[in-house]
C-alpha atoms as a PDB file:
ATOM      1  CA  UNK A   1      63.419  12.518  23.814  1.00  0.00           C
ATOM      2  CA  UNK A   2      59.411  12.417  23.315  1.00  0.00           C
ATOM      3  CA  UNK A   3      58.277   9.388  20.793  1.00  0.00           C
ATOM      4  CA  UNK A   4      56.216  11.323  18.148  1.00  0.00           C
ATOM      5  CA  UNK A   5      52.765   9.915  18.106  1.00  0.00           C
ATOM      6  CA  UNK A   6      51.383   7.761  15.223  1.00  0.00           C
ATOM      7  CA  UNK A   7      49.174  11.044  13.893  1.00  0.00           C
ATOM      8  CA  UNK A   8      52.681  12.928  13.624  1.00  0.00           C
ATOM      9  CA  UNK A   9      54.875  13.125  10.179  1.00  0.00           C
ATOM     10  CA  UNK A  10      58.050  14.601  10.024  1.00  0.00           C
ATOM     11  CA  UNK A  11      60.072  15.263   7.089  1.00  0.00           C
ATOM     12  CA  UNK A  12      64.078  16.062   7.733  1.00  0.00           C
ATOM     13  CA  UNK A  13      66.439  17.164   5.326  1.00  0.00           C
ATOM     14  CA  UNK A  14      69.908  19.022   4.769  1.00  0.00           C
ATOM     15  CA  UNK A  15      70.028  21.488   2.112  1.00  0.00           C
ATOM     16  CA  UNK A  16      73.095  23.364   0.660  1.00  0.00           C
ATOM     17  CA  UNK A  17      73.203  26.918   1.769  1.00  0.00           C
ATOM     18  CA  UNK A  18      72.431  28.340  -1.695  1.00  0.00           C
ATOM     19  CA  UNK A  19      69.496  29.580  -3.833  1.00  0.00           C
ATOM     20  CA  UNK A  20      69.321  26.345  -5.399  1.00  0.00           C
ATOM     21  CA  UNK A  21      69.071  24.374  -2.167  1.00  0.00           C
ATOM     22  CA  UNK A  22      66.527  26.950  -0.956  1.00  0.00           C
ATOM     23  CA  UNK A  23      63.825  26.687  -3.805  1.00  0.00           C
ATOM     24  CA  UNK A  24      64.761  22.682  -3.780  1.00  0.00           C
ATOM     25  CA  UNK A  25      63.413  22.900   0.210  1.00  0.00           C
ATOM     26  CA  UNK A  26      60.445  24.998  -0.997  1.00  0.00           C
ATOM     27  CA  UNK A  27      59.604  22.748  -3.659  1.00  0.00           C
ATOM     28  CA  UNK A  28      60.172  19.599  -1.478  1.00  0.00           C
ATOM     29  CA  UNK A  29      58.112  20.947   1.667  1.00  0.00           C
ATOM     30  CA  UNK A  30      54.813  21.536  -1.121  1.00  0.00           C
ATOM     31  CA  UNK A  31      55.130  18.048  -2.701  1.00  0.00           C
ATOM     32  CA  UNK A  32      55.194  16.609   1.157  1.00  0.00           C
ATOM     33  CA  UNK A  33      52.483  18.480   2.529  1.00  0.00           C
ATOM     34  CA  UNK A  34      50.393  17.253  -1.004  1.00  0.00           C
ATOM     35  CA  UNK A  35      51.647  13.576   0.197  1.00  0.00           C
ATOM     36  CA  UNK A  36      50.136  14.569   3.417  1.00  0.00           C
ATOM     37  CA  UNK A  37      46.697  15.428   2.059  1.00  0.00           C
ATOM     38  CA  UNK A  38      47.530  18.919   1.610  1.00  0.00           C
ATOM     39  CA  UNK A  39      47.023  19.737  -1.967  1.00  0.00           C
ATOM     40  CA  UNK A  40      48.964  22.105  -3.845  1.00  0.00           C
ATOM     41  CA  UNK A  41      46.437  25.030  -4.450  1.00  0.00           C
ATOM     42  CA  UNK A  42      44.808  24.104  -0.477  1.00  0.00           C
ATOM     43  CA  UNK A  43      45.598  27.435   1.801  1.00  0.00           C
ATOM     44  CA  UNK A  44      48.109  24.922   4.009  1.00  0.00           C
ATOM     45  CA  UNK A  45      49.817  23.979   1.480  1.00  0.00           C
ATOM     46  CA  UNK A  46      50.593  27.477  -0.408  1.00  0.00           C
ATOM     47  CA  UNK A  47      51.020  29.505   3.145  1.00  0.00           C
ATOM     48  CA  UNK A  48      53.486  26.646   4.170  1.00  0.00           C
ATOM     49  CA  UNK A  49      55.201  26.818   0.886  1.00  0.00           C
ATOM     50  CA  UNK A  50      55.413  30.793   1.274  1.00  0.00           C
ATOM     51  CA  UNK A  51      57.188  30.608   4.511  1.00  0.00           C
ATOM     52  CA  UNK A  52      59.239  27.951   3.719  1.00  0.00           C
ATOM     53  CA  UNK A  53      60.669  30.160   0.948  1.00  0.00           C
ATOM     54  CA  UNK A  54      61.097  32.787   3.355  1.00  0.00           C
ATOM     55  CA  UNK A  55      62.683  31.168   6.037  1.00  0.00           C
ATOM     56  CA  UNK A  56      65.327  29.289   3.405  1.00  0.00           C
ATOM     57  CA  UNK A  57      66.036  32.549   2.016  1.00  0.00           C
ATOM     58  CA  UNK A  58      66.707  34.346   4.648  1.00  0.00           C
ATOM     59  CA  UNK A  59      68.750  31.181   5.847  1.00  0.00           C
ATOM     60  CA  UNK A  60      71.186  31.506   2.557  1.00  0.00           C
ATOM     61  CA  UNK A  61      70.931  35.424   3.060  1.00  0.00           C
ATOM     62  CA  UNK A  62      71.958  35.719   6.167  1.00  0.00           C
ATOM     63  CA  UNK A  63      72.767  32.474   7.758  1.00  0.00           C
ATOM     64  CA  UNK A  64      75.547  31.232   5.153  1.00  0.00           C
ATOM     65  CA  UNK A  65      78.689  30.243   6.471  1.00  0.00           C
ATOM     66  CA  UNK A  66      80.875  28.595   3.569  1.00  0.00           C
ATOM     67  CA  UNK A  67      80.760  25.037   3.486  1.00  0.00           C
ATOM     68  CA  UNK A  68      78.034  24.858   5.922  1.00  0.00           C
ATOM     69  CA  UNK A  69      74.477  23.394   5.152  1.00  0.00           C
ATOM     70  CA  UNK A  70      71.089  24.668   6.322  1.00  0.00           C
ATOM     71  CA  UNK A  71      68.867  21.773   7.778  1.00  0.00           C
ATOM     72  CA  UNK A  72      64.733  21.818   7.426  1.00  0.00           C
ATOM     73  CA  UNK A  73      62.334  20.272   9.699  1.00  0.00           C
ATOM     74  CA  UNK A  74      58.811  19.949   8.533  1.00  0.00           C
ATOM     75  CA  UNK A  75      56.207  18.265  11.150  1.00  0.00           C
ATOM     76  CA  UNK A  76      52.581  17.771  10.572  1.00  0.00           C
ATOM     77  CA  UNK A  77      51.020  16.651  14.087  1.00  0.00           C
ATOM     78  CA  UNK A  78      47.250  16.466  14.463  1.00  0.00           C
ATOM     79  CA  UNK A  79      46.258  19.895  14.137  1.00  0.00           C
ATOM     80  CA  UNK A  80      49.577  22.244  13.694  1.00  0.00           C
ATOM     81  CA  UNK A  81      52.325  22.051  11.090  1.00  0.00           C
ATOM     82  CA  UNK A  82      55.930  23.495  12.072  1.00  0.00           C
ATOM     83  CA  UNK A  83      58.375  24.155   9.897  1.00  0.00           C
ATOM     84  CA  UNK A  84      61.996  24.970  11.358  1.00  0.00           C
ATOM     85  CA  UNK A  85      64.902  26.009   9.422  1.00  0.00           C
ATOM     86  CA  UNK A  86      68.351  25.869  11.170  1.00  0.00           C
ATOM     87  CA  UNK A  87      71.648  27.417  10.010  1.00  0.00           C
ATOM     88  CA  UNK A  88      74.997  27.453  11.250  1.00  0.00           C
ATOM     89  CA  UNK A  89      75.259  31.724  12.083  1.00  0.00           C
ATOM     90  CA  UNK A  90      74.613  32.253  15.594  1.00  0.00           C
ATOM     91  CA  UNK A  91      75.666  35.872  15.786  1.00  0.00           C
ATOM     92  CA  UNK A  92      73.179  37.123  13.142  1.00  0.00           C
ATOM     93  CA  UNK A  93      69.652  36.884  14.841  1.00  0.00           C
ATOM     94  CA  UNK A  94      66.600  37.916  13.145  1.00  0.00           C
ATOM     95  CA  UNK A  95      64.665  40.745  15.691  1.00  0.00           C
ATOM     96  CA  UNK A  96      61.943  39.631  17.419  1.00  0.00           C
ATOM     97  CA  UNK A  97      59.407  41.456  15.593  1.00  0.00           C
ATOM     98  CA  UNK A  98      59.798  42.422  12.517  1.00  0.00           C
ATOM     99  CA  UNK A  99      61.019  45.856  11.435  1.00  0.00           C
ATOM    100  CA  UNK A 100      58.803  47.910   8.593  1.00  0.00           C
ATOM    101  CA  UNK A 101      60.428  48.469   5.610  1.00  0.00           C
ATOM    102  CA  UNK A 102      60.609  51.134   3.254  1.00  0.00           C
ATOM    103  CA  UNK A 103      57.754  50.825   0.518  1.00  0.00           C
ATOM    104  CA  UNK A 104      60.502  51.129  -2.165  1.00  0.00           C
ATOM    105  CA  UNK A 105      62.891  48.650  -0.715  1.00  0.00           C
ATOM    106  CA  UNK A 106      63.718  45.680  -2.557  1.00  0.00           C
ATOM    107  CA  UNK A 107      64.355  43.270   0.426  1.00  0.00           C
ATOM    108  CA  UNK A 108      63.378  42.517   4.270  1.00  0.00           C
ATOM    109  CA  UNK A 109      59.861  41.864   4.028  1.00  0.00           C
ATOM    110  CA  UNK A 110      60.584  37.704   4.520  1.00  0.00           C
ATOM    111  CA  UNK A 111      59.590  38.004   7.984  1.00  0.00           C
ATOM    112  CA  UNK A 112      56.960  40.708   7.895  1.00  0.00           C
ATOM    113  CA  UNK A 113      55.084  37.802   5.710  1.00  0.00           C
ATOM    114  CA  UNK A 114      56.047  35.179   8.349  1.00  0.00           C
ATOM    115  CA  UNK A 115      54.416  36.954  11.324  1.00  0.00           C
ATOM    116  CA  UNK A 116      51.635  37.721   8.502  1.00  0.00           C
ATOM    117  CA  UNK A 117      51.029  34.180   7.628  1.00  0.00           C
ATOM    118  CA  UNK A 118      52.017  31.662  11.156  1.00  0.00           C
ATOM    119  CA  UNK A 119      50.130  31.416  13.808  1.00  0.00           C
ATOM    120  CA  UNK A 120      53.119  31.780  15.886  1.00  0.00           C
ATOM    121  CA  UNK A 121      56.819  31.932  15.197  1.00  0.00           C
ATOM    122  CA  UNK A 122      60.199  32.592  16.804  1.00  0.00           C
ATOM    123  CA  UNK A 123      64.081  31.785  16.993  1.00  0.00           C
ATOM    124  CA  UNK A 124      65.715  29.118  19.222  1.00  0.00           C
ATOM    125  CA  UNK A 125      69.623  28.647  19.481  1.00  0.00           C
ATOM    126  CA  UNK A 126      71.205  25.388  17.515  1.00  0.00           C
ATOM    127  CA  UNK A 127      71.361  22.328  20.219  1.00  0.00           C
ATOM    128  CA  UNK A 128      74.690  21.391  20.484  1.00  0.00           C
ATOM    129  CA  UNK A 129      76.359  23.287  18.041  1.00  0.00           C
ATOM    130  CA  UNK A 130      76.422  27.110  16.912  1.00  0.00           C
ATOM    131  CA  UNK A 131      73.572  28.310  15.100  1.00  0.00           C
ATOM    132  CA  UNK A 132      69.985  28.980  14.930  1.00  0.00           C
ATOM    133  CA  UNK A 133      66.478  27.635  14.176  1.00  0.00           C
ATOM    134  CA  UNK A 134      63.438  30.054  12.997  1.00  0.00           C
ATOM    135  CA  UNK A 135      60.210  28.426  13.106  1.00  0.00           C
ATOM    136  CA  UNK A 136      57.081  28.747  12.562  1.00  0.00           C
ATOM    137  CA  UNK A 137      53.843  27.387  12.811  1.00  0.00           C
ATOM    138  CA  UNK A 138      50.648  27.216  11.598  1.00  0.00           C
ATOM    139  CA  UNK A 139      47.259  25.619  13.067  1.00  0.00           C
ATOM    140  CA  UNK A 140      44.731  23.223  11.437  1.00  0.00           C
ATOM    141  CA  UNK A 141      41.095  22.718  11.507  1.00  0.00           C
ATOM    142  CA  UNK A 142      40.292  19.342  10.607  1.00  0.00           C
ATOM    143  CA  UNK A 143      39.097  20.153   6.832  1.00  0.00           C
ATOM    144  CA  UNK A 144      43.064  21.548   6.554  1.00  0.00           C
ATOM    145  CA  UNK A 145      42.455  24.921   6.662  1.00  0.00           C
ATOM    146  CA  UNK A 146      43.929  27.630   8.858  1.00  0.00           C
ATOM    147  CA  UNK A 147      42.340  27.760  11.960  1.00  0.00           C
ATOM    148  CA  UNK A 148      43.058  31.143  12.813  1.00  0.00           C
ATOM    149  CA  UNK A 149      40.320  34.344  11.331  1.00  0.00           C
ATOM    150  CA  UNK A 150      42.854  36.281   9.422  1.00  0.00           C
ATOM    151  CA  UNK A 151      42.151  40.298   8.557  1.00  0.00           C
ATOM    152  CA  UNK A 152      41.601  41.143   5.315  1.00  0.00           C
ATOM    153  CA  UNK A 153      45.065  42.545   3.707  1.00  0.00           C
ATOM    154  CA  UNK A 154      45.012  46.037   3.524  1.00  0.00           C
ATOM    155  CA  UNK A 155      46.363  48.200   0.203  1.00  0.00           C
ATOM    156  CA  UNK A 156      49.850  48.371   1.655  1.00  0.00           C
ATOM    157  CA  UNK A 157      49.964  44.327   2.385  1.00  0.00           C
ATOM    158  CA  UNK A 158      48.507  43.884  -1.196  1.00  0.00           C
ATOM    159  CA  UNK A 159      51.597  45.319  -2.641  1.00  0.00           C
ATOM    160  CA  UNK A 160      53.974  43.720   0.154  1.00  0.00           C
ATOM    161  CA  UNK A 161      52.787  40.521  -1.024  1.00  0.00           C
ATOM    162  CA  UNK A 162      52.628  41.115  -4.850  1.00  0.00           C
ATOM    163  CA  UNK A 163      56.252  42.490  -4.406  1.00  0.00           C
ATOM    164  CA  UNK A 164      57.295  39.121  -2.626  1.00  0.00           C
ATOM    165  CA  UNK A 165      55.248  36.408  -4.939  1.00  0.00           C
ATOM    166  CA  UNK A 166      58.023  35.871  -7.279  1.00  0.00           C
ATOM    167  CA  UNK A 167      59.357  33.893  -4.436  1.00  0.00           C
ATOM    168  CA  UNK A 168      56.581  31.494  -5.312  1.00  0.00           C
ATOM    169  CA  UNK A 169      57.138  31.087  -9.140  1.00  0.00           C
ATOM    170  CA  UNK A 170      59.690  28.360 -10.807  1.00  0.00           C
ATOM    171  CA  UNK A 171      63.293  29.498 -11.972  1.00  0.00           C
ATOM    172  CA  UNK A 172      62.702  32.766 -14.145  1.00  0.00           C
ATOM    173  CA  UNK A 173      65.971  31.746 -15.769  1.00  0.00           C
ATOM    174  CA  UNK A 174      64.268  29.008 -17.321  1.00  0.00           C
ATOM    175  CA  UNK A 175      61.683  31.377 -18.926  1.00  0.00           C
ATOM    176  CA  UNK A 176      62.333  31.343 -22.976  1.00  0.00           C
ATOM    177  CA  UNK A 177      62.319  35.273 -22.527  1.00  0.00           C
ATOM    178  CA  UNK A 178      64.964  35.214 -20.576  1.00  0.00           C
ATOM    179  CA  UNK A 179      67.561  33.206 -22.738  1.00  0.00           C
ATOM    180  CA  UNK A 180      68.689  36.178 -24.354  1.00  0.00           C
ATOM    181  CA  UNK A 181      70.510  37.325 -21.185  1.00  0.00           C
ATOM    182  CA  UNK A 182      72.204  33.742 -20.438  1.00  0.00           C
ATOM    183  CA  UNK A 183      69.048  32.745 -18.163  1.00  0.00           C
ATOM    184  CA  UNK A 184      69.896  35.193 -15.466  1.00  0.00           C
ATOM    185  CA  UNK A 185      68.025  38.442 -14.410  1.00  0.00           C
ATOM    186  CA  UNK A 186      69.100  41.703 -15.311  1.00  0.00           C
END
């Protein structure tokens, strides 16, 4: 097994396969990237936080096995950040290329966002146990910004991003105006 270089940093943690676990994973990735020199409002932090939100939400929704957690592995090397989310459900594999979704659908856009934001992504079987690892990589420049040039989003892409932006917000149940509903979204 190759040893990490002196410039490589890693964050590995296991989370409960619940929405709360996915939210915690997203927040800890953002905090860890901030600690590693990619502040909260930088493109690297924001992009990896959104990718983490999508991958962990998918692990909870599609990879959940009762009593089993999902694992997150974040690696920062010299010029690439890699996020891996491993769940224990082997029979539910994500498609190799995300399918187009109906514009009125409330779900099904997570992997489209991952494919649009990451420089590379994929799925590998879990080593030594049932399950899979969905991973994404973001290449960096010296200044800490994504290396690749992104095409400005078209009108439909903006609608897609706005529809999923709520994943980056804090728990909606914590807002005072939601208190009348017992902290639950209606």
